[in-house]
C-alpha atoms as a PDB file:
ATOM      1  CA  UNK A   1      -0.034   0.088  -0.218  1.00  0.00           C
ATOM      2  CA  UNK A   2       0.791   3.519  -0.553  1.00  0.00           C
ATOM      3  CA  UNK A   3       0.203   6.636   1.155  1.00  0.00           C
ATOM      4  CA  UNK A   4      -0.157  10.415  -0.954  1.00  0.00           C
ATOM      5  CA  UNK A   5      -0.400  13.119   0.707  1.00  0.00           C
ATOM      6  CA  UNK A   6      -1.210  16.257  -0.236  1.00  0.00           C
ATOM      7  CA  UNK A   7      -3.540  19.609   0.653  1.00  0.00           C
ATOM      8  CA  UNK A   8      -0.898  21.837   2.985  1.00  0.00           C
ATOM      9  CA  UNK A   9      -0.120  25.105   2.615  1.00  0.00           C
ATOM     10  CA  UNK A  10       0.527  27.883   4.774  1.00  0.00           C
ATOM     11  CA  UNK A  11      -2.394  29.199   6.265  1.00  0.00           C
ATOM     12  CA  UNK A  12      -3.448  31.903   8.866  1.00  0.00           C
ATOM     13  CA  UNK A  13      -4.613  32.107  11.987  1.00  0.00           C
ATOM     14  CA  UNK A  14      -7.527  31.231  12.191  1.00  0.00           C
ATOM     15  CA  UNK A  15      -8.110  29.059   8.761  1.00  0.00           C
ATOM     16  CA  UNK A  16      -8.947  26.354   7.309  1.00  0.00           C
ATOM     17  CA  UNK A  17      -7.123  23.325   5.490  1.00  0.00           C
ATOM     18  CA  UNK A  18      -8.006  19.709   4.114  1.00  0.00           C
ATOM     19  CA  UNK A  19      -6.035  17.764   3.749  1.00  0.00           C
ATOM     20  CA  UNK A  20      -5.734  14.146   1.595  1.00  0.00           C
ATOM     21  CA  UNK A  21      -3.905  10.935   1.837  1.00  0.00           C
ATOM     22  CA  UNK A  22      -4.560   8.664  -1.605  1.00  0.00           C
ATOM     23  CA  UNK A  23      -4.098   5.043  -0.707  1.00  0.00           C
ATOM     24  CA  UNK A  24      -2.908   3.027  -3.590  1.00  0.00           C
ATOM     25  CA  UNK A  25      -5.128   0.029  -2.622  1.00  0.00           C
ATOM     26  CA  UNK A  26      -8.253  -0.804  -1.745  1.00  0.00           C
ATOM     27  CA  UNK A  27      -8.250  -0.412   2.457  1.00  0.00           C
ATOM     28  CA  UNK A  28     -10.121  -4.362   1.990  1.00  0.00           C
ATOM     29  CA  UNK A  29      -6.711  -5.415   3.782  1.00  0.00           C
ATOM     30  CA  UNK A  30      -6.021  -1.725   5.906  1.00  0.00           C
ATOM     31  CA  UNK A  31      -7.904  -1.522   9.294  1.00  0.00           C
ATOM     32  CA  UNK A  32      -7.440   1.920  10.208  1.00  0.00           C
ATOM     33  CA  UNK A  33      -6.398   4.978   8.909  1.00  0.00           C
ATOM     34  CA  UNK A  34      -4.493   8.129  10.935  1.00  0.00           C
ATOM     35  CA  UNK A  35      -3.006  11.578  10.457  1.00  0.00           C
ATOM     36  CA  UNK A  36       0.511  12.132  12.289  1.00  0.00           C
ATOM     37  CA  UNK A  37       2.422  15.723  12.592  1.00  0.00           C
ATOM     38  CA  UNK A  38       5.656  16.679  13.479  1.00  0.00           C
ATOM     39  CA  UNK A  39       6.514  20.294  14.830  1.00  0.00           C
ATOM     40  CA  UNK A  40       9.799  21.099  14.041  1.00  0.00           C
ATOM     41  CA  UNK A  41      11.959  19.860  17.193  1.00  0.00           C
ATOM     42  CA  UNK A  42       9.741  18.004  18.837  1.00  0.00           C
ATOM     43  CA  UNK A  43       8.415  13.545  17.682  1.00  0.00           C
ATOM     44  CA  UNK A  44       5.566  13.183  15.815  1.00  0.00           C
ATOM     45  CA  UNK A  45       2.867  12.851  17.676  1.00  0.00           C
ATOM     46  CA  UNK A  46      -0.457  11.213  16.674  1.00  0.00           C
ATOM     47  CA  UNK A  47      -3.450  13.562  15.372  1.00  0.00           C
ATOM     48  CA  UNK A  48      -6.158  11.315  14.263  1.00  0.00           C
ATOM     49  CA  UNK A  49      -7.579   8.047  13.251  1.00  0.00           C
ATOM     50  CA  UNK A  50     -10.204   5.917  11.644  1.00  0.00           C
ATOM     51  CA  UNK A  51     -11.655   3.723  11.298  1.00  0.00           C
ATOM     52  CA  UNK A  52     -13.029   1.713   8.220  1.00  0.00           C
ATOM     53  CA  UNK A  53     -15.644  -0.588   9.066  1.00  0.00           C
ATOM     54  CA  UNK A  54     -17.476   1.177  10.794  1.00  0.00           C
ATOM     55  CA  UNK A  55     -16.182   4.551  10.890  1.00  0.00           C
ATOM     56  CA  UNK A  56     -14.740   5.067  14.805  1.00  0.00           C
ATOM     57  CA  UNK A  57     -12.640   7.671  15.284  1.00  0.00           C
ATOM     58  CA  UNK A  58     -11.204  10.006  17.827  1.00  0.00           C
ATOM     59  CA  UNK A  59      -9.105  13.413  18.302  1.00  0.00           C
ATOM     60  CA  UNK A  60      -6.052  13.597  20.601  1.00  0.00           C
ATOM     61  CA  UNK A  61      -6.846  16.360  22.685  1.00  0.00           C
ATOM     62  CA  UNK A  62      -5.256  19.452  21.285  1.00  0.00           C
ATOM     63  CA  UNK A  63      -7.486  19.289  17.752  1.00  0.00           C
ATOM     64  CA  UNK A  64     -10.985  18.281  19.394  1.00  0.00           C
ATOM     65  CA  UNK A  65     -13.775  19.988  18.612  1.00  0.00           C
ATOM     66  CA  UNK A  66     -11.511  21.665  15.210  1.00  0.00           C
ATOM     67  CA  UNK A  67     -10.485  18.787  13.216  1.00  0.00           C
ATOM     68  CA  UNK A  68     -12.154  16.003  11.328  1.00  0.00           C
ATOM     69  CA  UNK A  69     -11.717  12.603  10.424  1.00  0.00           C
ATOM     70  CA  UNK A  70     -14.254  11.782   7.860  1.00  0.00           C
ATOM     71  CA  UNK A  71     -13.512   8.655   4.473  1.00  0.00           C
ATOM     72  CA  UNK A  72     -14.076   7.890   1.184  1.00  0.00           C
ATOM     73  CA  UNK A  73     -13.679   3.633   0.700  1.00  0.00           C
ATOM     74  CA  UNK A  74     -14.435   4.684  -2.590  1.00  0.00           C
ATOM     75  CA  UNK A  75     -11.649   6.693  -3.210  1.00  0.00           C
ATOM     76  CA  UNK A  76      -9.476   5.007  -1.496  1.00  0.00           C
ATOM     77  CA  UNK A  77      -8.486   8.295   0.223  1.00  0.00           C
ATOM     78  CA  UNK A  78      -8.681   9.847   3.801  1.00  0.00           C
ATOM     79  CA  UNK A  79      -8.961  13.716   4.753  1.00  0.00           C
ATOM     80  CA  UNK A  80      -8.431  15.291   8.024  1.00  0.00           C
ATOM     81  CA  UNK A  81     -10.216  18.128   7.756  1.00  0.00           C
ATOM     82  CA  UNK A  82      -8.116  21.431  10.483  1.00  0.00           C
ATOM     83  CA  UNK A  83     -10.688  24.250  11.357  1.00  0.00           C
ATOM     84  CA  UNK A  84      -9.393  27.236  13.801  1.00  0.00           C
ATOM     85  CA  UNK A  85      -6.671  26.327  12.865  1.00  0.00           C
ATOM     86  CA  UNK A  86      -3.382  27.595  15.445  1.00  0.00           C
ATOM     87  CA  UNK A  87       0.380  28.473  14.742  1.00  0.00           C
ATOM     88  CA  UNK A  88       1.248  25.455  17.253  1.00  0.00           C
ATOM     89  CA  UNK A  89      -0.446  23.066  14.404  1.00  0.00           C
ATOM     90  CA  UNK A  90       2.653  24.020  12.309  1.00  0.00           C
ATOM     91  CA  UNK A  91       4.181  20.990  10.564  1.00  0.00           C
ATOM     92  CA  UNK A  92       4.362  18.167   8.591  1.00  0.00           C
ATOM     93  CA  UNK A  93       1.833  15.785   8.589  1.00  0.00           C
ATOM     94  CA  UNK A  94       1.419  12.063   8.120  1.00  0.00           C
ATOM     95  CA  UNK A  95      -0.882  10.050   7.322  1.00  0.00           C
ATOM     96  CA  UNK A  96      -0.618   6.275   7.802  1.00  0.00           C
ATOM     97  CA  UNK A  97      -2.646   3.255   7.179  1.00  0.00           C
ATOM     98  CA  UNK A  98      -2.298  -0.442  10.137  1.00  0.00           C
ATOM     99  CA  UNK A  99      -3.303  -3.769   9.033  1.00  0.00           C
ATOM    100  CA  UNK A 100      -4.460  -6.316  11.352  1.00  0.00           C
ATOM    101  CA  UNK A 101      -1.083  -8.435  12.377  1.00  0.00           C
ATOM    102  CA  UNK A 102       0.481  -5.500  13.591  1.00  0.00           C
ATOM    103  CA  UNK A 103      -2.554  -3.370  15.489  1.00  0.00           C
ATOM    104  CA  UNK A 104      -2.526  -7.020  16.907  1.00  0.00           C
ATOM    105  CA  UNK A 105       1.089  -6.248  17.950  1.00  0.00           C
ATOM    106  CA  UNK A 106       0.160  -2.369  19.096  1.00  0.00           C
ATOM    107  CA  UNK A 107      -3.736  -2.364  19.803  1.00  0.00           C
ATOM    108  CA  UNK A 108      -2.847   2.149  20.908  1.00  0.00           C
ATOM    109  CA  UNK A 109      -4.626   3.927  18.127  1.00  0.00           C
ATOM    110  CA  UNK A 110      -2.262   6.947  19.313  1.00  0.00           C
ATOM    111  CA  UNK A 111       1.148   4.473  19.094  1.00  0.00           C
ATOM    112  CA  UNK A 112       3.012   5.036  15.907  1.00  0.00           C
ATOM    113  CA  UNK A 113       4.589   2.068  16.114  1.00  0.00           C
ATOM    114  CA  UNK A 114       1.293   0.402  14.867  1.00  0.00           C
ATOM    115  CA  UNK A 115       0.975   2.522  11.451  1.00  0.00           C
ATOM    116  CA  UNK A 116       3.022  -0.007   8.326  1.00  0.00           C
ATOM    117  CA  UNK A 117       2.051   2.362   6.116  1.00  0.00           C
ATOM    118  CA  UNK A 118       3.794   6.052   5.856  1.00  0.00           C
ATOM    119  CA  UNK A 119       2.677   8.749   3.320  1.00  0.00           C
ATOM    120  CA  UNK A 120       4.570  10.895   2.761  1.00  0.00           C
ATOM    121  CA  UNK A 121       4.689  14.071   4.494  1.00  0.00           C
ATOM    122  CA  UNK A 122       2.943  16.873   4.214  1.00  0.00           C
ATOM    123  CA  UNK A 123       3.778  20.485   5.179  1.00  0.00           C
ATOM    124  CA  UNK A 124       1.534  23.063   6.882  1.00  0.00           C
ATOM    125  CA  UNK A 125       1.582  26.940   8.244  1.00  0.00           C
ATOM    126  CA  UNK A 126       0.194  28.882   9.756  1.00  0.00           C
ATOM    127  CA  UNK A 127       0.965  32.136  10.643  1.00  0.00           C
ATOM    128  CA  UNK A 128      -0.236  34.179  13.260  1.00  0.00           C
END
């Protein structure tokens, strides 16, 4: 599975962006898809995840109420709608996908070790 992230850019604080992550294969082989981000000088952190079957979602506390993750199985694409952006949201955003065997080892969706496939990242810069 190859993941292609897009949609990053420069936006003013309070603005919005929508990130997209297109998967190269049918999503039946993946279990969840997620977004992580890495700010300059910081470790990669979890942002949001969605389960393909059933559509359940979880979010990091820092983005709850502002970001929404969604998926379009027909297009093999996951989106991250980001509203009310803050300068502290500035980071490279990565999409990721897991498979059931790996998920049985690393059960927490917030743990980046639980994901088998990663996109190349897309830069989001929020100016104050």
